[in-house]
Amino acid sequence: MNHNVKTSSNTCLGDEVLKGITRLIVETDEKKPQVVATITADGIDLALGYRIRMKPDPDYDG
Protein backbone atom coordinates (compact mmCIF):
# COMPACT_ATOMS: atom_id res chain seq x y z
CA MET A 1 0.00 0.00 0.00
CA ASN A 2 1.26 3.40 -0.80
CA HIS A 3 -1.25 6.22 -0.39
CA ASN A 4 -2.89 7.90 2.57
CA VAL A 5 -4.13 7.36 5.97
CA LYS A 6 -4.21 5.19 9.07
CA THR A 7 -5.63 1.67 8.90
CA SER A 8 -5.55 0.70 12.58
CA SER A 9 -9.02 1.91 13.58
CA ASN A 10 -11.48 -0.38 15.34
CA THR A 11 -14.32 2.07 14.69
CA CYS A 12 -17.16 0.55 12.68
CA LEU A 13 -17.63 1.92 9.17
CA GLY A 14 -21.39 2.38 9.16
CA ASP A 15 -24.87 0.94 9.37
CA GLU A 16 -26.69 -1.75 7.40
CA VAL A 17 -24.24 -3.60 5.08
CA LEU A 18 -21.16 -2.30 6.95
CA LYS A 19 -22.61 -2.68 10.46
CA GLY A 20 -20.02 -4.25 12.73
CA ILE A 21 -17.27 -3.97 10.08
CA THR A 22 -14.03 -2.20 11.12
CA ARG A 23 -12.27 -2.39 7.77
CA LEU A 24 -13.07 -3.18 4.17
CA ILE A 25 -10.29 -4.81 2.14
CA VAL A 26 -10.50 -4.67 -1.66
CA GLU A 27 -8.34 -7.17 -3.51
CA THR A 28 -7.87 -8.74 -6.93
CA ASP A 29 -9.50 -12.04 -7.86
CA GLU A 30 -6.35 -14.09 -8.42
CA LYS A 31 -4.78 -17.23 -6.97
CA LYS A 32 -2.53 -14.93 -4.90
CA PRO A 33 -4.74 -11.85 -4.40
CA GLN A 34 -3.16 -8.39 -4.32
CA VAL A 35 -4.66 -5.84 -1.93
CA VAL A 36 -5.95 -2.83 -3.88
CA ALA A 37 -7.31 -0.81 -0.94
CA THR A 38 -7.99 -0.97 2.77
CA ILE A 39 -10.81 1.29 3.93
CA THR A 40 -11.35 2.16 7.61
CA ALA A 41 -13.27 4.82 9.50
CA ASP A 42 -10.01 6.82 9.67
CA GLY A 43 -9.20 6.73 5.97
CA ILE A 44 -8.16 4.80 2.88
CA ASP A 45 -4.85 3.07 2.11
CA LEU A 46 -4.70 2.71 -1.66
CA ALA A 47 -2.25 0.86 -3.96
CA LEU A 48 -0.48 2.79 -6.71
CA GLY A 49 -2.32 2.81 -10.03
CA TYR A 50 -5.81 2.84 -8.49
CA ARG A 51 -8.15 5.60 -7.44
CA ILE A 52 -11.13 5.94 -5.16
CA ARG A 53 -14.23 7.94 -6.04
CA MET A 54 -16.54 8.93 -3.22
CA LYS A 55 -20.09 10.20 -3.55
CA PRO A 56 -21.09 12.63 -0.79
CA ASP A 57 -24.47 12.39 0.90
CA PRO A 58 -26.32 15.59 -0.08
CA ASP A 59 -28.39 15.39 3.14
CA TYR A 60 -25.35 15.15 5.45
CA ASP A 61 -25.01 18.20 7.71
CA GLY A 62 -21.66 17.31 9.37
PDB file of N, CA and C in Angstrom:
ATOM      1  N   MET A   1       0.842  -1.171   0.000  1.00  0.00           N
ATOM      2  CA  MET A   1       0.000   0.000   0.000  1.00  0.00           C
ATOM      3  C   MET A   1       0.883   1.229   0.000  1.00  0.00           C
ATOM      4  N   ASN A   2       0.397   2.256  -0.638  1.00  0.00           N
ATOM      5  CA  ASN A   2       1.259   3.404  -0.797  1.00  0.00           C
ATOM      6  C   ASN A   2       0.654   4.759  -0.465  1.00  0.00           C
ATOM      7  N   HIS A   3      -0.630   4.912  -0.540  1.00  0.00           N
ATOM      8  CA  HIS A   3      -1.246   6.224  -0.387  1.00  0.00           C
ATOM      9  C   HIS A   3      -2.084   6.318   0.881  1.00  0.00           C
ATOM     10  N   ASN A   4      -1.962   7.448   1.545  1.00  0.00           N
ATOM     11  CA  ASN A   4      -2.894   7.900   2.574  1.00  0.00           C
ATOM     12  C   ASN A   4      -2.976   7.073   3.844  1.00  0.00           C
ATOM     13  N   VAL A   5      -3.309   7.629   4.828  1.00  0.00           N
ATOM     14  CA  VAL A   5      -4.129   7.357   5.974  1.00  0.00           C
ATOM     15  C   VAL A   5      -3.782   6.180   6.872  1.00  0.00           C
ATOM     16  N   LYS A   6      -4.345   6.227   8.063  1.00  0.00           N
ATOM     17  CA  LYS A   6      -4.206   5.192   9.072  1.00  0.00           C
ATOM     18  C   LYS A   6      -5.147   4.031   8.760  1.00  0.00           C
ATOM     19  N   THR A   7      -4.729   2.815   9.095  1.00  0.00           N
ATOM     20  CA  THR A   7      -5.628   1.671   8.899  1.00  0.00           C
ATOM     21  C   THR A   7      -5.779   0.852  10.174  1.00  0.00           C
ATOM     22  N   SER A   8      -5.507   1.456  11.335  1.00  0.00           N
ATOM     23  CA  SER A   8      -5.550   0.702  12.580  1.00  0.00           C
ATOM     24  C   SER A   8      -6.803   0.969  13.411  1.00  0.00           C
ATOM     25  N   SER A   9      -7.806   1.568  12.842  1.00  0.00           N
ATOM     26  CA  SER A   9      -9.018   1.907  13.584  1.00  0.00           C
ATOM     27  C   SER A   9      -9.879   0.681  13.857  1.00  0.00           C
ATOM     28  N   ASN A  10     -10.490   0.651  15.031  1.00  0.00           N
ATOM     29  CA  ASN A  10     -11.478  -0.382  15.342  1.00  0.00           C
ATOM     30  C   ASN A  10     -12.885   0.196  15.315  1.00  0.00           C
ATOM     31  N   THR A  11     -13.021   1.424  14.812  1.00  0.00           N
ATOM     32  CA  THR A  11     -14.318   2.074  14.686  1.00  0.00           C
ATOM     33  C   THR A  11     -15.076   1.440  13.529  1.00  0.00           C
ATOM     34  N   CYS A  12     -16.344   1.130  13.746  1.00  0.00           N
ATOM     35  CA  CYS A  12     -17.162   0.547  12.677  1.00  0.00           C
ATOM     36  C   CYS A  12     -17.384   1.561  11.570  1.00  0.00           C
ATOM     37  N   LEU A  13     -17.512   1.066  10.340  1.00  0.00           N
ATOM     38  CA  LEU A  13     -17.634   1.923   9.172  1.00  0.00           C
ATOM     39  C   LEU A  13     -19.018   2.523   8.992  1.00  0.00           C
ATOM     40  N   GLY A  14     -20.061   1.820   9.391  1.00  0.00           N
ATOM     41  CA  GLY A  14     -21.392   2.378   9.162  1.00  0.00           C
ATOM     42  C   GLY A  14     -22.500   1.453   9.589  1.00  0.00           C
ATOM     43  N   ASP A  15     -23.672   1.712   9.065  1.00  0.00           N
ATOM     44  CA  ASP A  15     -24.867   0.937   9.368  1.00  0.00           C
ATOM     45  C   ASP A  15     -25.171  -0.011   8.210  1.00  0.00           C
ATOM     46  N   GLU A  16     -26.181  -0.816   8.397  1.00  0.00           N
ATOM     47  CA  GLU A  16     -26.687  -1.755   7.404  1.00  0.00           C
ATOM     48  C   GLU A  16     -25.611  -2.715   6.906  1.00  0.00           C
ATOM     49  N   VAL A  17     -25.192  -2.641   5.656  1.00  0.00           N
ATOM     50  CA  VAL A  17     -24.243  -3.600   5.081  1.00  0.00           C
ATOM     51  C   VAL A  17     -22.911  -3.596   5.836  1.00  0.00           C
ATOM     52  N   LEU A  18     -22.462  -2.424   6.279  1.00  0.00           N
ATOM     53  CA  LEU A  18     -21.165  -2.302   6.945  1.00  0.00           C
ATOM     54  C   LEU A  18     -21.269  -2.309   8.466  1.00  0.00           C
ATOM     55  N   LYS A  19     -22.422  -2.641   9.005  1.00  0.00           N
ATOM     56  CA  LYS A  19     -22.612  -2.676  10.456  1.00  0.00           C
ATOM     57  C   LYS A  19     -21.704  -3.740  11.070  1.00  0.00           C
ATOM     58  N   GLY A  20     -20.921  -3.335  12.057  1.00  0.00           N
ATOM     59  CA  GLY A  20     -20.018  -4.255  12.734  1.00  0.00           C
ATOM     60  C   GLY A  20     -18.705  -4.487  11.997  1.00  0.00           C
ATOM     61  N   ILE A  21     -18.484  -3.815  10.891  1.00  0.00           N
ATOM     62  CA  ILE A  21     -17.268  -3.974  10.082  1.00  0.00           C
ATOM     63  C   ILE A  21     -16.289  -2.860  10.440  1.00  0.00           C
ATOM     64  N   THR A  22     -15.028  -3.215  10.764  1.00  0.00           N
ATOM     65  CA  THR A  22     -14.030  -2.205  11.120  1.00  0.00           C
ATOM     66  C   THR A  22     -13.132  -1.847   9.953  1.00  0.00           C
ATOM     67  N   ARG A  23     -13.041  -2.727   8.973  1.00  0.00           N
ATOM     68  CA  ARG A  23     -12.268  -2.391   7.775  1.00  0.00           C
ATOM     69  C   ARG A  23     -12.787  -3.183   6.590  1.00  0.00           C
ATOM     70  N   LEU A  24     -12.659  -2.572   5.426  1.00  0.00           N
ATOM     71  CA  LEU A  24     -13.069  -3.176   4.168  1.00  0.00           C
ATOM     72  C   LEU A  24     -11.809  -3.324   3.321  1.00  0.00           C
ATOM     73  N   ILE A  25     -11.499  -4.539   2.917  1.00  0.00           N
ATOM     74  CA  ILE A  25     -10.290  -4.812   2.139  1.00  0.00           C
ATOM     75  C   ILE A  25     -10.704  -5.181   0.721  1.00  0.00           C
ATOM     76  N   VAL A  26     -10.207  -4.433  -0.249  1.00  0.00           N
ATOM     77  CA  VAL A  26     -10.500  -4.667  -1.663  1.00  0.00           C
ATOM     78  C   VAL A  26      -9.277  -5.321  -2.271  1.00  0.00           C
ATOM     79  N   GLU A  27      -9.478  -6.470  -2.926  1.00  0.00           N
ATOM     80  CA  GLU A  27      -8.343  -7.175  -3.512  1.00  0.00           C
ATOM     81  C   GLU A  27      -8.699  -7.777  -4.861  1.00  0.00           C
ATOM     82  N   THR A  28      -7.666  -8.143  -5.611  1.00  0.00           N
ATOM     83  CA  THR A  28      -7.872  -8.736  -6.929  1.00  0.00           C
ATOM     84  C   THR A  28      -8.380 -10.166  -6.787  1.00  0.00           C
ATOM     85  N   ASP A  29      -8.965 -10.682  -7.847  1.00  0.00           N
ATOM     86  CA  ASP A  29      -9.505 -12.044  -7.863  1.00  0.00           C
ATOM     87  C   ASP A  29      -8.493 -12.946  -8.569  1.00  0.00           C
ATOM     88  N   GLU A  30      -7.430 -13.267  -7.874  1.00  0.00           N
ATOM     89  CA  GLU A  30      -6.353 -14.095  -8.416  1.00  0.00           C
ATOM     90  C   GLU A  30      -6.007 -15.193  -7.430  1.00  0.00           C
ATOM     91  N   LYS A  31      -5.202 -16.154  -7.860  1.00  0.00           N
ATOM     92  CA  LYS A  31      -4.775 -17.227  -6.966  1.00  0.00           C
ATOM     93  C   LYS A  31      -4.037 -16.668  -5.757  1.00  0.00           C
ATOM     94  N   LYS A  32      -3.209 -15.661  -5.977  1.00  0.00           N
ATOM     95  CA  LYS A  32      -2.530 -14.934  -4.899  1.00  0.00           C
ATOM     96  C   LYS A  32      -3.014 -13.481  -4.962  1.00  0.00           C
ATOM     97  N   PRO A  33      -4.129 -13.182  -4.289  1.00  0.00           N
ATOM     98  CA  PRO A  33      -4.742 -11.851  -4.403  1.00  0.00           C
ATOM     99  C   PRO A  33      -3.799 -10.729  -3.966  1.00  0.00           C
ATOM    100  N   GLN A  34      -3.889  -9.604  -4.668  1.00  0.00           N
ATOM    101  CA  GLN A  34      -3.160  -8.391  -4.322  1.00  0.00           C
ATOM    102  C   GLN A  34      -4.160  -7.419  -3.702  1.00  0.00           C
ATOM    103  N   VAL A  35      -3.782  -6.810  -2.584  1.00  0.00           N
ATOM    104  CA  VAL A  35      -4.659  -5.840  -1.934  1.00  0.00           C
ATOM    105  C   VAL A  35      -4.627  -4.541  -2.731  1.00  0.00           C
ATOM    106  N   VAL A  36      -5.801  -4.069  -3.122  1.00  0.00           N
ATOM    107  CA  VAL A  36      -5.949  -2.827  -3.882  1.00  0.00           C
ATOM    108  C   VAL A  36      -6.181  -1.662  -2.916  1.00  0.00           C
ATOM    109  N   ALA A  37      -7.021  -1.868  -1.898  1.00  0.00           N
ATOM    110  CA  ALA A  37      -7.315  -0.807  -0.942  1.00  0.00           C
ATOM    111  C   ALA A  37      -7.777  -1.397   0.380  1.00  0.00           C
ATOM    112  N   THR A  38      -7.454  -0.678   1.448  1.00  0.00           N
ATOM    113  CA  THR A  38      -7.989  -0.975   2.768  1.00  0.00           C
ATOM    114  C   THR A  38      -8.703   0.287   3.233  1.00  0.00           C
ATOM    115  N   ILE A  39      -9.984   0.148   3.561  1.00  0.00           N
ATOM    116  CA  ILE A  39     -10.814   1.289   3.933  1.00  0.00           C
ATOM    117  C   ILE A  39     -11.237   1.119   5.386  1.00  0.00           C
ATOM    118  N   THR A  40     -10.943   2.152   6.214  1.00  0.00           N
ATOM    119  CA  THR A  40     -11.350   2.163   7.612  1.00  0.00           C
ATOM    120  C   THR A  40     -12.106   3.447   7.889  1.00  0.00           C
ATOM    121  N   ALA A  41     -12.591   3.590   9.113  1.00  0.00           N
ATOM    122  CA  ALA A  41     -13.275   4.823   9.496  1.00  0.00           C
ATOM    123  C   ALA A  41     -12.319   6.009   9.489  1.00  0.00           C
ATOM    124  N   ASP A  42     -11.011   5.747   9.635  1.00  0.00           N
ATOM    125  CA  ASP A  42     -10.012   6.815   9.670  1.00  0.00           C
ATOM    126  C   ASP A  42      -9.486   7.204   8.297  1.00  0.00           C
ATOM    127  N   GLY A  43      -9.691   6.364   7.286  1.00  0.00           N
ATOM    128  CA  GLY A  43      -9.204   6.729   5.967  1.00  0.00           C
ATOM    129  C   GLY A  43      -9.059   5.550   5.030  1.00  0.00           C
ATOM    130  N   ILE A  44      -8.323   5.787   3.945  1.00  0.00           N
ATOM    131  CA  ILE A  44      -8.156   4.804   2.879  1.00  0.00           C
ATOM    132  C   ILE A  44      -6.676   4.642   2.577  1.00  0.00           C
ATOM    133  N   ASP A  45      -6.214   3.390   2.535  1.00  0.00           N
ATOM    134  CA  ASP A  45      -4.855   3.070   2.115  1.00  0.00           C
ATOM    135  C   ASP A  45      -4.992   2.435   0.741  1.00  0.00           C
ATOM    136  N   LEU A  46      -4.431   3.075  -0.281  1.00  0.00           N
ATOM    137  CA  LEU A  46      -4.699   2.711  -1.664  1.00  0.00           C
ATOM    138  C   LEU A  46      -3.408   2.360  -2.398  1.00  0.00           C
ATOM    139  N   ALA A  47      -3.413   1.271  -3.167  1.00  0.00           N
ATOM    140  CA  ALA A  47      -2.253   0.863  -3.960  1.00  0.00           C
ATOM    141  C   ALA A  47      -2.052   1.822  -5.130  1.00  0.00           C
ATOM    142  N   LEU A  48      -0.795   1.957  -5.545  1.00  0.00           N
ATOM    143  CA  LEU A  48      -0.480   2.789  -6.710  1.00  0.00           C
ATOM    144  C   LEU A  48      -1.202   2.277  -7.951  1.00  0.00           C
ATOM    145  N   GLY A  49      -1.654   3.188  -8.788  1.00  0.00           N
ATOM    146  CA  GLY A  49      -2.321   2.814 -10.031  1.00  0.00           C
ATOM    147  C   GLY A  49      -3.826   2.681  -9.908  1.00  0.00           C
ATOM    148  N   TYR A  50      -4.365   2.908  -8.710  1.00  0.00           N
ATOM    149  CA  TYR A  50      -5.806   2.835  -8.485  1.00  0.00           C
ATOM    150  C   TYR A  50      -6.278   4.161  -7.930  1.00  0.00           C
ATOM    151  N   ARG A  51      -7.577   4.391  -8.029  1.00  0.00           N
ATOM    152  CA  ARG A  51      -8.148   5.595  -7.440  1.00  0.00           C
ATOM    153  C   ARG A  51      -9.475   5.242  -6.781  1.00  0.00           C
ATOM    154  N   ILE A  52      -9.864   6.091  -5.868  1.00  0.00           N
ATOM    155  CA  ILE A  52     -11.130   5.941  -5.155  1.00  0.00           C
ATOM    156  C   ILE A  52     -12.003   7.131  -5.513  1.00  0.00           C
ATOM    157  N   ARG A  53     -13.249   6.873  -5.826  1.00  0.00           N
ATOM    158  CA  ARG A  53     -14.226   7.942  -6.037  1.00  0.00           C
ATOM    159  C   ARG A  53     -15.265   7.828  -4.937  1.00  0.00           C
ATOM    160  N   MET A  54     -15.550   8.934  -4.291  1.00  0.00           N
ATOM    161  CA  MET A  54     -16.539   8.930  -3.224  1.00  0.00           C
ATOM    162  C   MET A  54     -17.697   9.839  -3.604  1.00  0.00           C
ATOM    163  N   LYS A  55     -18.889   9.404  -3.277  1.00  0.00           N
ATOM    164  CA  LYS A  55     -20.088  10.197  -3.554  1.00  0.00           C
ATOM    165  C   LYS A  55     -20.613  10.741  -2.224  1.00  0.00           C
ATOM    166  N   PRO A  56     -20.594  12.064  -2.051  1.00  0.00           N
ATOM    167  CA  PRO A  56     -21.086  12.630  -0.789  1.00  0.00           C
ATOM    168  C   PRO A  56     -22.605  12.496  -0.642  1.00  0.00           C
ATOM    169  N   ASP A  57     -23.050  12.429   0.589  1.00  0.00           N
ATOM    170  CA  ASP A  57     -24.470  12.388   0.900  1.00  0.00           C
ATOM    171  C   ASP A  57     -24.981  13.826   0.909  1.00  0.00           C
ATOM    172  N   PRO A  58     -25.863  14.194  -0.011  1.00  0.00           N
ATOM    173  CA  PRO A  58     -26.324  15.587  -0.084  1.00  0.00           C
ATOM    174  C   PRO A  58     -27.111  16.024   1.151  1.00  0.00           C
ATOM    175  N   ASP A  59     -27.612  15.074   1.937  1.00  0.00           N
ATOM    176  CA  ASP A  59     -28.389  15.391   3.136  1.00  0.00           C
ATOM    177  C   ASP A  59     -27.540  15.452   4.399  1.00  0.00           C
ATOM    178  N   TYR A  60     -26.239  15.161   4.286  1.00  0.00           N
ATOM    179  CA  TYR A  60     -25.354  15.147   5.455  1.00  0.00           C
ATOM    180  C   TYR A  60     -25.041  16.566   5.894  1.00  0.00           C
ATOM    181  N   ASP A  61     -25.219  16.852   7.187  1.00  0.00           N
ATOM    182  CA  ASP A  61     -25.005  18.199   7.710  1.00  0.00           C
ATOM    183  C   ASP A  61     -23.700  18.334   8.490  1.00  0.00           C
ATOM    184  N   GLY A  62     -22.867  17.295   8.539  1.00  0.00           N
ATOM    185  CA  GLY A  62     -21.661  17.305   9.367  1.00  0.00           C
ATOM    186  C   GLY A  62     -20.554  17.955   8.775  1.00  0.00           C
TER     187      GLY A  62
END
